[in-house]
Amino acid sequence: MLLHVNVIVIVILIVILSTKKAESQVAQSLPGCPDKCGNITIPYPFGIRKDCCLSEAYLVNCTTLRVMNTNFKLLNISLDDGLMYGLLPVASQCYNSAGSVSRSQPKIRLSRFQISSTLNLLTTVGCGTKANLMDLDNKYEIACRSKTSCMSLANGSCSGQGCMQVPVLFTPPEFRIQSQRVTRKVGNWSFNNCTYGFLVKIGEYTFQETDLDNMKNRFSPVALEWTVGNTGCEEAKKNKTSYLCTENSVCMDSRSVFDQIHATYSCRCAKGYEGNPYLPDGCQDINECEGPQNECSHGCVNTIGSYTCPSEAAKSPGDSLYIGQYTLFFQMTLPLEGPH
């Protein structure tokens, strides 16, 4: 006689890992600390109280959405790539027929954060204009100049006619954005009496002809790099007390393109983990079997930091394997010795 036996095995380990994963998605801040400014997540080492952040350099004012000693408006902080996103004002210089000029040359304060040299462009808009980034001591300048002609304007084009963009290799902690004319015709044209200059994240600005006289008092999104510490990874690891990367994370050296002397570092969760690498137990195992991360075609088994794909050839004929988040279910047909 044959006996059909259904065996249900509750895999406690998977339950624990799934619980920890859910906790890590919620706990981005220190225990007892709020982690939100409106709909913006504020992960440690940042915080909205002095007892919730690494230092005052990472203190966020929820009312103004400013990080301490900076004046950009915060949009987002990312742990995955060490980037933060914010808004910077557009510089302008406008002329009228009487010859008077109105200027806006915003001063930018970044504290220990840097404008990303690979993700932003210095942009000027206008006919016969240029934009500058100047440090406050007027010792360092990046200039971006558009061509003087605006005879071939085209919406969506920023290659020299009415709009021009150049890469930004370095920005000091404090600088000014300037916009100026390079021909006295600006102010005498009916279609272009203003010049504009601004930093903007690549892909976030599309030129429109209407922008020639319509960009005063605007803001543009930028990407900034943030790090921790005042040394590189090798030196930081020597001091176990101050080293900030926790278990299941890796340390990444960070240096600006311009300044190769002053090193800092950042932390990332190791491959196969996700969460906050600056918090104890902050990096938790990813269950690759729950999403598109795995390449298994016939079942998937999550492991710590990775996953495996069971071989179909290893299964006995008639066996069925079901894998869920919490339960492994085996159905087998077993022979049973007994009276006939």
C-alpha atoms as a PDB file:
ATOM      1  CA  MET A   1       0.000   0.000   0.000  1.00  0.00           C
ATOM      2  CA  LEU A   2       1.199   3.530  -0.683  1.00  0.00           C
ATOM      3  CA  LEU A   3       0.834   6.379   1.782  1.00  0.00           C
ATOM      4  CA  HIS A   4       0.771  10.047   0.618  1.00  0.00           C
ATOM      5  CA  VAL A   5       2.573  12.175   3.178  1.00  0.00           C
ATOM      6  CA  ASN A   6       2.447  15.997   3.130  1.00  0.00           C
ATOM      7  CA  VAL A   7       5.302  17.505   5.105  1.00  0.00           C
ATOM      8  CA  ILE A   8       5.225  21.222   5.915  1.00  0.00           C
ATOM      9  CA  VAL A   9       8.455  22.669   7.225  1.00  0.00           C
ATOM     10  CA  ILE A  10       8.368  26.133   8.730  1.00  0.00           C
ATOM     11  CA  VAL A  11      11.715  27.654   8.077  1.00  0.00           C
ATOM     12  CA  ILE A  12      12.223  29.934  11.072  1.00  0.00           C
ATOM     13  CA  LEU A  13      15.420  31.396   9.681  1.00  0.00           C
ATOM     14  CA  ILE A  14      13.625  32.834   6.670  1.00  0.00           C
ATOM     15  CA  VAL A  15      10.984  34.378   8.942  1.00  0.00           C
ATOM     16  CA  ILE A  16      13.683  36.057  11.036  1.00  0.00           C
ATOM     17  CA  LEU A  17      15.524  37.376   7.995  1.00  0.00           C
ATOM     18  CA  SER A  18      12.317  38.724   6.461  1.00  0.00           C
ATOM     19  CA  THR A  19      11.445  40.466   9.740  1.00  0.00           C
ATOM     20  CA  LYS A  20      14.882  42.053   9.948  1.00  0.00           C
ATOM     21  CA  LYS A  21      14.638  43.163   6.339  1.00  0.00           C
ATOM     22  CA  ALA A  22      11.335  44.911   7.009  1.00  0.00           C
ATOM     23  CA  GLU A  23      12.800  46.588  10.088  1.00  0.00           C
ATOM     24  CA  SER A  24      15.813  47.857   8.122  1.00  0.00           C
ATOM     25  CA  GLN A  25      13.547  49.451   5.555  1.00  0.00           C
ATOM     26  CA  VAL A  26      11.843  51.462   8.310  1.00  0.00           C
ATOM     27  CA  ALA A  27      14.745  52.152  10.693  1.00  0.00           C
ATOM     28  CA  GLN A  28      16.926  54.581   8.775  1.00  0.00           C
ATOM     29  CA  SER A  29      17.666  56.729  11.836  1.00  0.00           C
ATOM     30  CA  LEU A  30      19.025  56.151  15.332  1.00  0.00           C
ATOM     31  CA  PRO A  31      16.590  54.555  17.812  1.00  0.00           C
ATOM     32  CA  GLY A  32      14.031  57.098  19.030  1.00  0.00           C
ATOM     33  CA  CYS A  33      14.877  59.579  16.287  1.00  0.00           C
ATOM     34  CA  PRO A  34      12.426  60.724  13.608  1.00  0.00           C
ATOM     35  CA  ASP A  35      13.549  59.905  10.076  1.00  0.00           C
ATOM     36  CA  LYS A  36      11.276  62.132   8.017  1.00  0.00           C
ATOM     37  CA  CYS A  37      11.004  65.790   7.045  1.00  0.00           C
ATOM     38  CA  GLY A  38       7.608  65.722   5.388  1.00  0.00           C
ATOM     39  CA  ASN A  39       8.001  63.118   2.645  1.00  0.00           C
ATOM     40  CA  ILE A  40      11.832  63.320   2.637  1.00  0.00           C
ATOM     41  CA  THR A  41      13.645  60.479   4.416  1.00  0.00           C
ATOM     42  CA  ILE A  42      16.522  61.691   6.614  1.00  0.00           C
ATOM     43  CA  PRO A  43      18.847  58.695   7.145  1.00  0.00           C
ATOM     44  CA  TYR A  44      21.650  58.603   9.724  1.00  0.00           C
ATOM     45  CA  PRO A  45      24.353  60.082   9.754  1.00  0.00           C
ATOM     46  CA  PHE A  46      21.927  62.922   9.023  1.00  0.00           C
ATOM     47  CA  GLY A  47      19.264  63.800  11.574  1.00  0.00           C
ATOM     48  CA  ILE A  48      16.761  66.479  12.493  1.00  0.00           C
ATOM     49  CA  ARG A  49      17.945  66.791  16.107  1.00  0.00           C
ATOM     50  CA  LYS A  50      21.461  67.215  17.468  1.00  0.00           C
ATOM     51  CA  ASP A  51      21.238  63.875  19.283  1.00  0.00           C
ATOM     52  CA  CYS A  52      20.105  62.165  16.068  1.00  0.00           C
ATOM     53  CA  CYS A  53      22.949  63.061  13.695  1.00  0.00           C
ATOM     54  CA  LEU A  54      26.653  62.276  13.511  1.00  0.00           C
ATOM     55  CA  SER A  55      27.575  65.936  14.041  1.00  0.00           C
ATOM     56  CA  GLU A  56      26.092  69.368  13.415  1.00  0.00           C
ATOM     57  CA  ALA A  57      27.421  69.206   9.850  1.00  0.00           C
ATOM     58  CA  TYR A  58      24.658  66.636   9.187  1.00  0.00           C
ATOM     59  CA  LEU A  59      21.863  68.414  11.072  1.00  0.00           C
ATOM     60  CA  VAL A  60      18.797  69.073   8.910  1.00  0.00           C
ATOM     61  CA  ASN A  61      16.357  71.899   9.615  1.00  0.00           C
ATOM     62  CA  CYS A  62      12.951  70.460   8.763  1.00  0.00           C
ATOM     63  CA  THR A  63      11.341  73.886   8.495  1.00  0.00           C
ATOM     64  CA  THR A  64      13.723  75.278   5.872  1.00  0.00           C
ATOM     65  CA  LEU A  65      14.934  71.910   4.494  1.00  0.00           C
ATOM     66  CA  ARG A  66      18.510  73.138   4.878  1.00  0.00           C
ATOM     67  CA  VAL A  67      21.495  71.178   6.152  1.00  0.00           C
ATOM     68  CA  MET A  68      23.521  73.072   8.757  1.00  0.00           C
ATOM     69  CA  ASN A  69      25.801  75.759   7.268  1.00  0.00           C
ATOM     70  CA  THR A  70      24.407  75.298   3.747  1.00  0.00           C
ATOM     71  CA  ASN A  71      21.814  77.253   1.793  1.00  0.00           C
ATOM     72  CA  PHE A  72      20.581  74.790  -0.834  1.00  0.00           C
ATOM     73  CA  LYS A  73      17.095  73.363  -0.396  1.00  0.00           C
ATOM     74  CA  LEU A  74      17.211  69.627   0.290  1.00  0.00           C
ATOM     75  CA  LEU A  75      15.249  67.289  -1.988  1.00  0.00           C
ATOM     76  CA  ASN A  76      16.607  63.820  -1.217  1.00  0.00           C
ATOM     77  CA  ILE A  77      19.448  61.923   0.499  1.00  0.00           C
ATOM     78  CA  SER A  78      20.598  58.607  -0.953  1.00  0.00           C
ATOM     79  CA  LEU A  79      22.544  55.955   0.956  1.00  0.00           C
ATOM     80  CA  ASP A  80      23.093  53.720  -2.079  1.00  0.00           C
ATOM     81  CA  ASP A  81      25.414  56.067  -3.960  1.00  0.00           C
ATOM     82  CA  GLY A  82      26.416  58.765  -1.453  1.00  0.00           C
ATOM     83  CA  LEU A  83      24.466  61.468  -3.271  1.00  0.00           C
ATOM     84  CA  MET A  84      22.051  64.118  -2.136  1.00  0.00           C
ATOM     85  CA  TYR A  85      19.864  66.307  -4.283  1.00  0.00           C
ATOM     86  CA  GLY A  86      18.962  69.938  -3.763  1.00  0.00           C
ATOM     87  CA  LEU A  87      17.791  73.163  -5.391  1.00  0.00           C
ATOM     88  CA  LEU A  88      20.069  76.110  -6.208  1.00  0.00           C
ATOM     89  CA  PRO A  89      18.914  79.572  -7.382  1.00  0.00           C
ATOM     90  CA  VAL A  90      19.362  80.794 -10.947  1.00  0.00           C
ATOM     91  CA  ALA A  91      21.597  83.867 -11.346  1.00  0.00           C
ATOM     92  CA  SER A  92      20.284  86.631 -13.571  1.00  0.00           C
ATOM     93  CA  GLN A  93      21.231  90.014 -14.966  1.00  0.00           C
ATOM     94  CA  CYS A  94      18.525  92.007 -16.736  1.00  0.00           C
ATOM     95  CA  TYR A  95      18.651  95.296 -18.641  1.00  0.00           C
ATOM     96  CA  ASN A  96      15.964  97.776 -19.641  1.00  0.00           C
ATOM     97  CA  SER A  97      15.802 100.411 -22.379  1.00  0.00           C
ATOM     98  CA  ALA A  98      16.866 103.115 -19.944  1.00  0.00           C
ATOM     99  CA  GLY A  99      20.117 101.282 -19.298  1.00  0.00           C
ATOM    100  CA  SER A 100      19.480 100.291 -15.688  1.00  0.00           C
ATOM    101  CA  VAL A 101      20.484  96.797 -14.586  1.00  0.00           C
ATOM    102  CA  SER A 102      19.010  94.408 -12.045  1.00  0.00           C
ATOM    103  CA  ARG A 103      21.262  91.604 -10.840  1.00  0.00           C
ATOM    104  CA  SER A 104      20.931  88.442  -8.825  1.00  0.00           C
ATOM    105  CA  GLN A 105      24.262  86.757  -8.039  1.00  0.00           C
ATOM    106  CA  PRO A 106      23.450  84.128  -5.405  1.00  0.00           C
ATOM    107  CA  LYS A 107      26.121  83.039  -2.937  1.00  0.00           C
ATOM    108  CA  ILE A 108      26.142  79.283  -2.424  1.00  0.00           C
ATOM    109  CA  ARG A 109      27.296  77.595   0.793  1.00  0.00           C
ATOM    110  CA  LEU A 110      27.943  73.835   0.664  1.00  0.00           C
ATOM    111  CA  SER A 111      29.737  73.153   3.975  1.00  0.00           C
ATOM    112  CA  ARG A 112      31.509  69.776   3.567  1.00  0.00           C
ATOM    113  CA  PHE A 113      29.388  68.670   0.607  1.00  0.00           C
ATOM    114  CA  GLN A 114      30.425  69.003  -3.042  1.00  0.00           C
ATOM    115  CA  ILE A 115      28.688  69.585  -6.337  1.00  0.00           C
ATOM    116  CA  SER A 116      29.132  66.325  -8.278  1.00  0.00           C
ATOM    117  CA  SER A 117      31.699  66.829 -11.041  1.00  0.00           C
ATOM    118  CA  THR A 118      30.147  64.109 -13.205  1.00  0.00           C
ATOM    119  CA  LEU A 119      26.428  64.746 -12.779  1.00  0.00           C
ATOM    120  CA  ASN A 120      26.034  68.518 -13.199  1.00  0.00           C
ATOM    121  CA  LEU A 121      26.540  71.158 -15.876  1.00  0.00           C
ATOM    122  CA  LEU A 122      27.147  74.900 -15.655  1.00  0.00           C
ATOM    123  CA  THR A 123      24.525  76.420 -17.919  1.00  0.00           C
ATOM    124  CA  THR A 124      24.035  79.853 -19.430  1.00  0.00           C
ATOM    125  CA  VAL A 125      20.875  81.019 -21.189  1.00  0.00           C
ATOM    126  CA  GLY A 126      20.656  84.143 -23.332  1.00  0.00           C
ATOM    127  CA  CYS A 127      22.050  85.668 -26.508  1.00  0.00           C
ATOM    128  CA  GLY A 128      25.616  86.841 -26.104  1.00  0.00           C
ATOM    129  CA  THR A 129      25.924  85.784 -22.472  1.00  0.00           C
ATOM    130  CA  LYS A 130      28.265  84.002 -20.108  1.00  0.00           C
ATOM    131  CA  ALA A 131      27.928  82.380 -16.707  1.00  0.00           C
ATOM    132  CA  ASN A 132      30.655  82.152 -14.081  1.00  0.00           C
ATOM    133  CA  LEU A 133      31.260  80.272 -10.873  1.00  0.00           C
ATOM    134  CA  MET A 134      33.511  82.403  -8.661  1.00  0.00           C
ATOM    135  CA  ASP A 135      34.875  81.605  -5.234  1.00  0.00           C
ATOM    136  CA  LEU A 136      34.232  84.420  -2.778  1.00  0.00           C
ATOM    137  CA  ASP A 137      37.858  85.575  -2.991  1.00  0.00           C
ATOM    138  CA  ASN A 138      37.634  85.807  -6.806  1.00  0.00           C
ATOM    139  CA  LYS A 139      40.549  83.381  -7.202  1.00  0.00           C
ATOM    140  CA  TYR A 140      38.786  80.595  -9.051  1.00  0.00           C
ATOM    141  CA  GLU A 141      36.491  80.820 -12.054  1.00  0.00           C
ATOM    142  CA  ILE A 142      34.651  78.489 -14.395  1.00  0.00           C
ATOM    143  CA  ALA A 143      33.142  80.322 -17.373  1.00  0.00           C
ATOM    144  CA  CYS A 144      30.429  79.106 -19.735  1.00  0.00           C
ATOM    145  CA  ARG A 145      29.703  81.320 -22.748  1.00  0.00           C
ATOM    146  CA  SER A 146      26.969  81.027 -25.352  1.00  0.00           C
ATOM    147  CA  LYS A 147      27.448  82.303 -28.901  1.00  0.00           C
ATOM    148  CA  THR A 148      26.484  85.881 -29.573  1.00  0.00           C
ATOM    149  CA  SER A 149      24.041  84.951 -32.304  1.00  0.00           C
ATOM    150  CA  CYS A 150      20.521  83.803 -31.606  1.00  0.00           C
ATOM    151  CA  MET A 151      19.514  83.397 -35.242  1.00  0.00           C
ATOM    152  CA  SER A 152      19.200  79.602 -35.015  1.00  0.00           C
ATOM    153  CA  LEU A 153      17.351  79.069 -31.765  1.00  0.00           C
ATOM    154  CA  ALA A 154      15.781  75.640 -31.345  1.00  0.00           C
ATOM    155  CA  ASN A 155      13.769  74.300 -28.452  1.00  0.00           C
ATOM    156  CA  GLY A 156      15.573  71.415 -26.799  1.00  0.00           C
ATOM    157  CA  SER A 157      19.008  72.458 -28.072  1.00  0.00           C
ATOM    158  CA  CYS A 158      21.719  73.740 -25.723  1.00  0.00           C
ATOM    159  CA  SER A 159      24.783  73.721 -27.953  1.00  0.00           C
ATOM    160  CA  GLY A 160      25.587  77.416 -28.212  1.00  0.00           C
ATOM    161  CA  GLN A 161      22.579  79.167 -29.714  1.00  0.00           C
ATOM    162  CA  GLY A 162      20.807  80.835 -26.815  1.00  0.00           C
ATOM    163  CA  CYS A 163      21.943  78.104 -24.431  1.00  0.00           C
ATOM    164  CA  MET A 164      25.302  76.542 -23.553  1.00  0.00           C
ATOM    165  CA  GLN A 165      26.458  73.944 -21.029  1.00  0.00           C
ATOM    166  CA  VAL A 166      29.916  72.887 -19.797  1.00  0.00           C
ATOM    167  CA  PRO A 167      31.086  70.336 -17.197  1.00  0.00           C
ATOM    168  CA  VAL A 168      32.021  71.466 -13.696  1.00  0.00           C
ATOM    169  CA  LEU A 169      35.214  69.855 -12.398  1.00  0.00           C
ATOM    170  CA  PHE A 170      35.347  71.531  -9.011  1.00  0.00           C
ATOM    171  CA  THR A 171      33.410  73.883  -6.761  1.00  0.00           C
ATOM    172  CA  PRO A 172      34.781  75.397  -3.541  1.00  0.00           C
ATOM    173  CA  PRO A 173      32.723  75.147  -0.326  1.00  0.00           C
ATOM    174  CA  GLU A 174      31.434  78.669  -0.967  1.00  0.00           C
ATOM    175  CA  PHE A 175      31.038  80.382  -4.317  1.00  0.00           C
ATOM    176  CA  ARG A 176      28.958  82.843  -6.353  1.00  0.00           C
ATOM    177  CA  ILE A 177      27.000  82.216  -9.527  1.00  0.00           C
ATOM    178  CA  GLN A 178      27.310  85.125 -11.953  1.00  0.00           C
ATOM    179  CA  SER A 179      25.618  85.876 -15.253  1.00  0.00           C
ATOM    180  CA  GLN A 180      26.821  88.607 -17.622  1.00  0.00           C
ATOM    181  CA  ARG A 181      26.404  89.876 -21.151  1.00  0.00           C
ATOM    182  CA  VAL A 182      29.330  89.758 -23.598  1.00  0.00           C
ATOM    183  CA  THR A 183      27.759  92.191 -26.042  1.00  0.00           C
ATOM    184  CA  ARG A 184      26.015  95.508 -25.449  1.00  0.00           C
ATOM    185  CA  LYS A 185      23.193  94.403 -27.716  1.00  0.00           C
ATOM    186  CA  VAL A 186      21.716  92.571 -24.733  1.00  0.00           C
ATOM    187  CA  GLY A 187      19.181  95.029 -23.396  1.00  0.00           C
ATOM    188  CA  ASN A 188      18.483  96.446 -26.830  1.00  0.00           C
ATOM    189  CA  TRP A 189      16.799  93.363 -28.252  1.00  0.00           C
ATOM    190  CA  SER A 190      13.069  93.001 -27.904  1.00  0.00           C
ATOM    191  CA  PHE A 191      13.410  89.225 -27.420  1.00  0.00           C
ATOM    192  CA  ASN A 192      16.335  88.970 -25.002  1.00  0.00           C
ATOM    193  CA  ASN A 193      17.041  91.521 -22.277  1.00  0.00           C
ATOM    194  CA  CYS A 194      18.306  89.095 -19.621  1.00  0.00           C
ATOM    195  CA  THR A 195      21.175  86.679 -19.099  1.00  0.00           C
ATOM    196  CA  TYR A 196      21.009  83.653 -16.815  1.00  0.00           C
ATOM    197  CA  GLY A 197      23.499  81.278 -15.246  1.00  0.00           C
ATOM    198  CA  PHE A 198      22.907  78.180 -13.137  1.00  0.00           C
ATOM    199  CA  LEU A 199      24.106  74.731 -12.177  1.00  0.00           C
ATOM    200  CA  VAL A 200      21.801  71.870 -13.063  1.00  0.00           C
ATOM    201  CA  LYS A 201      21.826  68.085 -12.931  1.00  0.00           C
ATOM    202  CA  ILE A 202      22.379  66.477 -16.318  1.00  0.00           C
ATOM    203  CA  GLY A 203      19.068  65.759 -17.999  1.00  0.00           C
ATOM    204  CA  GLU A 204      17.051  68.089 -15.753  1.00  0.00           C
ATOM    205  CA  TYR A 205      16.983  71.161 -18.010  1.00  0.00           C
ATOM    206  CA  THR A 206      15.569  71.477 -21.528  1.00  0.00           C
ATOM    207  CA  PHE A 207      15.984  74.818 -23.271  1.00  0.00           C
ATOM    208  CA  GLN A 208      12.871  76.632 -24.465  1.00  0.00           C
ATOM    209  CA  GLU A 209      12.919  79.919 -26.380  1.00  0.00           C
ATOM    210  CA  THR A 210      10.511  81.374 -23.833  1.00  0.00           C
ATOM    211  CA  ASP A 211      13.280  80.951 -21.204  1.00  0.00           C
ATOM    212  CA  LEU A 212      15.180  83.916 -22.689  1.00  0.00           C
ATOM    213  CA  ASP A 213      13.050  86.327 -20.675  1.00  0.00           C
ATOM    214  CA  ASN A 214      11.435  83.997 -18.191  1.00  0.00           C
ATOM    215  CA  MET A 215      13.975  82.515 -15.745  1.00  0.00           C
ATOM    216  CA  LYS A 216      14.206  85.121 -12.996  1.00  0.00           C
ATOM    217  CA  ASN A 217      13.645  83.755  -9.474  1.00  0.00           C
ATOM    218  CA  ARG A 218      13.818  80.126 -10.628  1.00  0.00           C
ATOM    219  CA  PHE A 219      15.647  77.232  -8.985  1.00  0.00           C
ATOM    220  CA  SER A 220      17.419  74.280 -10.584  1.00  0.00           C
ATOM    221  CA  PRO A 221      18.051  70.745  -9.235  1.00  0.00           C
ATOM    222  CA  VAL A 222      21.642  69.636  -8.611  1.00  0.00           C
ATOM    223  CA  ALA A 223      23.389  66.473  -7.406  1.00  0.00           C
ATOM    224  CA  LEU A 224      25.830  66.761  -4.492  1.00  0.00           C
ATOM    225  CA  GLU A 225      28.245  64.227  -3.050  1.00  0.00           C
ATOM    226  CA  TRP A 226      28.324  63.618   0.696  1.00  0.00           C
ATOM    227  CA  THR A 227      30.873  61.701   2.738  1.00  0.00           C
ATOM    228  CA  VAL A 228      31.976  61.159   6.345  1.00  0.00           C
ATOM    229  CA  GLY A 229      35.262  61.337   8.211  1.00  0.00           C
ATOM    230  CA  ASN A 230      38.384  63.314   7.445  1.00  0.00           C
ATOM    231  CA  THR A 231      40.590  60.476   6.193  1.00  0.00           C
ATOM    232  CA  GLY A 232      40.443  57.707   3.624  1.00  0.00           C
ATOM    233  CA  CYS A 233      39.320  54.146   4.348  1.00  0.00           C
ATOM    234  CA  GLU A 234      42.747  52.758   5.216  1.00  0.00           C
ATOM    235  CA  GLU A 235      43.340  55.322   7.950  1.00  0.00           C
ATOM    236  CA  ALA A 236      39.733  55.264   9.166  1.00  0.00           C
ATOM    237  CA  LYS A 237      39.792  51.497   9.747  1.00  0.00           C
ATOM    238  CA  LYS A 238      42.703  51.878  12.183  1.00  0.00           C
ATOM    239  CA  ASN A 239      40.423  53.592  14.692  1.00  0.00           C
ATOM    240  CA  LYS A 240      37.665  51.106  15.561  1.00  0.00           C
ATOM    241  CA  THR A 241      35.927  53.676  17.764  1.00  0.00           C
ATOM    242  CA  SER A 242      35.415  56.336  15.110  1.00  0.00           C
ATOM    243  CA  TYR A 243      35.153  54.088  12.022  1.00  0.00           C
ATOM    244  CA  LEU A 244      31.571  54.368  10.797  1.00  0.00           C
ATOM    245  CA  CYS A 245      31.036  51.470   8.390  1.00  0.00           C
ATOM    246  CA  THR A 246      29.150  48.703  10.211  1.00  0.00           C
ATOM    247  CA  GLU A 247      28.934  44.946   9.579  1.00  0.00           C
ATOM    248  CA  ASN A 248      28.045  43.708   6.078  1.00  0.00           C
ATOM    249  CA  SER A 249      29.198  47.012   4.569  1.00  0.00           C
ATOM    250  CA  VAL A 250      32.195  48.215   2.568  1.00  0.00           C
ATOM    251  CA  CYS A 251      34.209  51.426   2.743  1.00  0.00           C
ATOM    252  CA  MET A 252      34.595  53.675  -0.302  1.00  0.00           C
ATOM    253  CA  ASP A 253      37.382  56.273  -0.609  1.00  0.00           C
ATOM    254  CA  SER A 254      36.210  59.687  -1.749  1.00  0.00           C
ATOM    255  CA  ARG A 255      38.316  62.490  -3.177  1.00  0.00           C
ATOM    256  CA  SER A 256      37.288  65.395  -5.331  1.00  0.00           C
ATOM    257  CA  VAL A 257      38.696  65.614  -8.844  1.00  0.00           C
ATOM    258  CA  PHE A 258      40.339  68.942  -7.991  1.00  0.00           C
ATOM    259  CA  ASP A 259      41.617  68.155  -4.495  1.00  0.00           C
ATOM    260  CA  GLN A 260      43.458  64.828  -4.236  1.00  0.00           C
ATOM    261  CA  ILE A 261      44.906  65.609  -0.790  1.00  0.00           C
ATOM    262  CA  HIS A 262      41.922  65.884   1.535  1.00  0.00           C
ATOM    263  CA  ALA A 263      40.415  62.418   1.633  1.00  0.00           C
ATOM    264  CA  THR A 264      37.104  61.330   3.133  1.00  0.00           C
ATOM    265  CA  TYR A 265      35.098  58.130   2.836  1.00  0.00           C
ATOM    266  CA  SER A 266      31.596  56.753   2.610  1.00  0.00           C
ATOM    267  CA  CYS A 267      29.966  53.427   3.422  1.00  0.00           C
ATOM    268  CA  ARG A 268      27.858  51.114   1.254  1.00  0.00           C
ATOM    269  CA  CYS A 269      26.045  47.903   2.085  1.00  0.00           C
ATOM    270  CA  ALA A 270      27.944  44.926   0.630  1.00  0.00           C
ATOM    271  CA  LYS A 271      26.608  43.046  -2.384  1.00  0.00           C
ATOM    272  CA  GLY A 272      23.573  41.005  -1.380  1.00  0.00           C
ATOM    273  CA  TYR A 273      22.642  43.417   1.437  1.00  0.00           C
ATOM    274  CA  GLU A 274      20.598  46.600   1.710  1.00  0.00           C
ATOM    275  CA  GLY A 275      19.773  49.191   4.362  1.00  0.00           C
ATOM    276  CA  ASN A 276      21.782  51.789   6.267  1.00  0.00           C
ATOM    277  CA  PRO A 277      25.518  50.956   6.511  1.00  0.00           C
ATOM    278  CA  TYR A 278      26.033  53.557   9.254  1.00  0.00           C
ATOM    279  CA  LEU A 279      23.691  51.853  11.742  1.00  0.00           C
ATOM    280  CA  PRO A 280      24.407  48.689  13.778  1.00  0.00           C
ATOM    281  CA  ASP A 281      22.767  45.764  11.930  1.00  0.00           C
ATOM    282  CA  GLY A 282      21.785  48.331   9.332  1.00  0.00           C
ATOM    283  CA  CYS A 283      22.735  46.211   6.297  1.00  0.00           C
ATOM    284  CA  GLN A 284      20.337  43.285   6.008  1.00  0.00           C
ATOM    285  CA  ASP A 285      20.285  40.356   3.621  1.00  0.00           C
ATOM    286  CA  ILE A 286      18.360  40.865   0.384  1.00  0.00           C
ATOM    287  CA  ASN A 287      15.948  38.053  -0.422  1.00  0.00           C
ATOM    288  CA  GLU A 288      16.828  37.773  -4.105  1.00  0.00           C
ATOM    289  CA  CYS A 289      14.151  35.117  -4.536  1.00  0.00           C
ATOM    290  CA  GLU A 290      11.416  37.736  -4.047  1.00  0.00           C
ATOM    291  CA  GLY A 291      12.375  39.947  -6.964  1.00  0.00           C
ATOM    292  CA  PRO A 292      13.988  40.056 -10.386  1.00  0.00           C
ATOM    293  CA  GLN A 293      17.528  39.911  -8.952  1.00  0.00           C
ATOM    294  CA  ASN A 294      17.751  36.123  -9.378  1.00  0.00           C
ATOM    295  CA  GLU A 295      18.213  34.180 -12.600  1.00  0.00           C
ATOM    296  CA  CYS A 296      16.616  30.959 -11.426  1.00  0.00           C
ATOM    297  CA  SER A 297      14.151  29.317 -13.813  1.00  0.00           C
ATOM    298  CA  HIS A 298      13.047  26.410 -11.609  1.00  0.00           C
ATOM    299  CA  GLY A 299      12.861  27.639  -8.023  1.00  0.00           C
ATOM    300  CA  CYS A 300      15.133  29.803  -5.900  1.00  0.00           C
ATOM    301  CA  VAL A 301      16.582  29.445  -2.395  1.00  0.00           C
ATOM    302  CA  ASN A 302      17.750  32.548  -0.563  1.00  0.00           C
ATOM    303  CA  THR A 303      21.065  32.373   1.303  1.00  0.00           C
ATOM    304  CA  ILE A 304      22.884  34.930   3.458  1.00  0.00           C
ATOM    305  CA  GLY A 305      24.161  37.557   1.038  1.00  0.00           C
ATOM    306  CA  SER A 306      23.232  35.548  -2.038  1.00  0.00           C
ATOM    307  CA  TYR A 307      20.912  32.812  -3.398  1.00  0.00           C
ATOM    308  CA  THR A 308      21.039  29.426  -5.127  1.00  0.00           C
ATOM    309  CA  CYS A 309      19.053  27.805  -7.920  1.00  0.00           C
ATOM    310  CA  PRO A 310      18.234  24.161  -7.083  1.00  0.00           C
ATOM    311  CA  SER A 311      18.958  21.782  -9.950  1.00  0.00           C
ATOM    312  CA  GLU A 312      15.907  20.128 -11.432  1.00  0.00           C
ATOM    313  CA  ALA A 313      17.998  17.026 -11.968  1.00  0.00           C
ATOM    314  CA  ALA A 314      18.524  16.686  -8.229  1.00  0.00           C
ATOM    315  CA  LYS A 315      14.814  16.267  -7.538  1.00  0.00           C
ATOM    316  CA  SER A 316      13.342  12.761  -7.323  1.00  0.00           C
ATOM    317  CA  PRO A 317      10.562  11.881  -9.759  1.00  0.00           C
ATOM    318  CA  GLY A 318       7.205  12.840  -8.358  1.00  0.00           C
ATOM    319  CA  ASP A 319       8.629  15.350  -5.852  1.00  0.00           C
ATOM    320  CA  SER A 320       7.282  18.886  -5.852  1.00  0.00           C
ATOM    321  CA  LEU A 321       9.142  21.873  -4.427  1.00  0.00           C
ATOM    322  CA  TYR A 322       7.376  25.090  -3.514  1.00  0.00           C
ATOM    323  CA  ILE A 323       9.284  28.043  -2.121  1.00  0.00           C
ATOM    324  CA  GLY A 324       7.518  30.938  -0.460  1.00  0.00           C
ATOM    325  CA  GLN A 325       8.624  33.649   1.875  1.00  0.00           C
ATOM    326  CA  TYR A 326       8.138  31.627   5.020  1.00  0.00           C
ATOM    327  CA  THR A 327       7.393  28.024   4.086  1.00  0.00           C
ATOM    328  CA  LEU A 328       8.984  25.134   2.208  1.00  0.00           C
ATOM    329  CA  PHE A 329       6.402  22.567   1.131  1.00  0.00           C
ATOM    330  CA  PHE A 330       7.420  19.061   0.076  1.00  0.00           C
ATOM    331  CA  GLN A 331       4.998  16.504  -1.308  1.00  0.00           C
ATOM    332  CA  MET A 332       6.319  12.939  -1.534  1.00  0.00           C
ATOM    333  CA  THR A 333       4.927   9.477  -2.131  1.00  0.00           C
ATOM    334  CA  LEU A 334       6.427   6.945   0.299  1.00  0.00           C
ATOM    335  CA  PRO A 335       5.995   3.140   0.360  1.00  0.00           C
ATOM    336  CA  LEU A 336       4.514   1.776   3.591  1.00  0.00           C
ATOM    337  CA  GLU A 337       5.102  -1.813   4.721  1.00  0.00           C
ATOM    338  CA  GLY A 338       2.018  -3.400   6.221  1.00  0.00           C
ATOM    339  CA  PRO A 339      -0.631  -6.088   5.909  1.00  0.00           C
ATOM    340  CA  HIS A 340      -2.013  -6.559   2.429  1.00  0.00           C
END
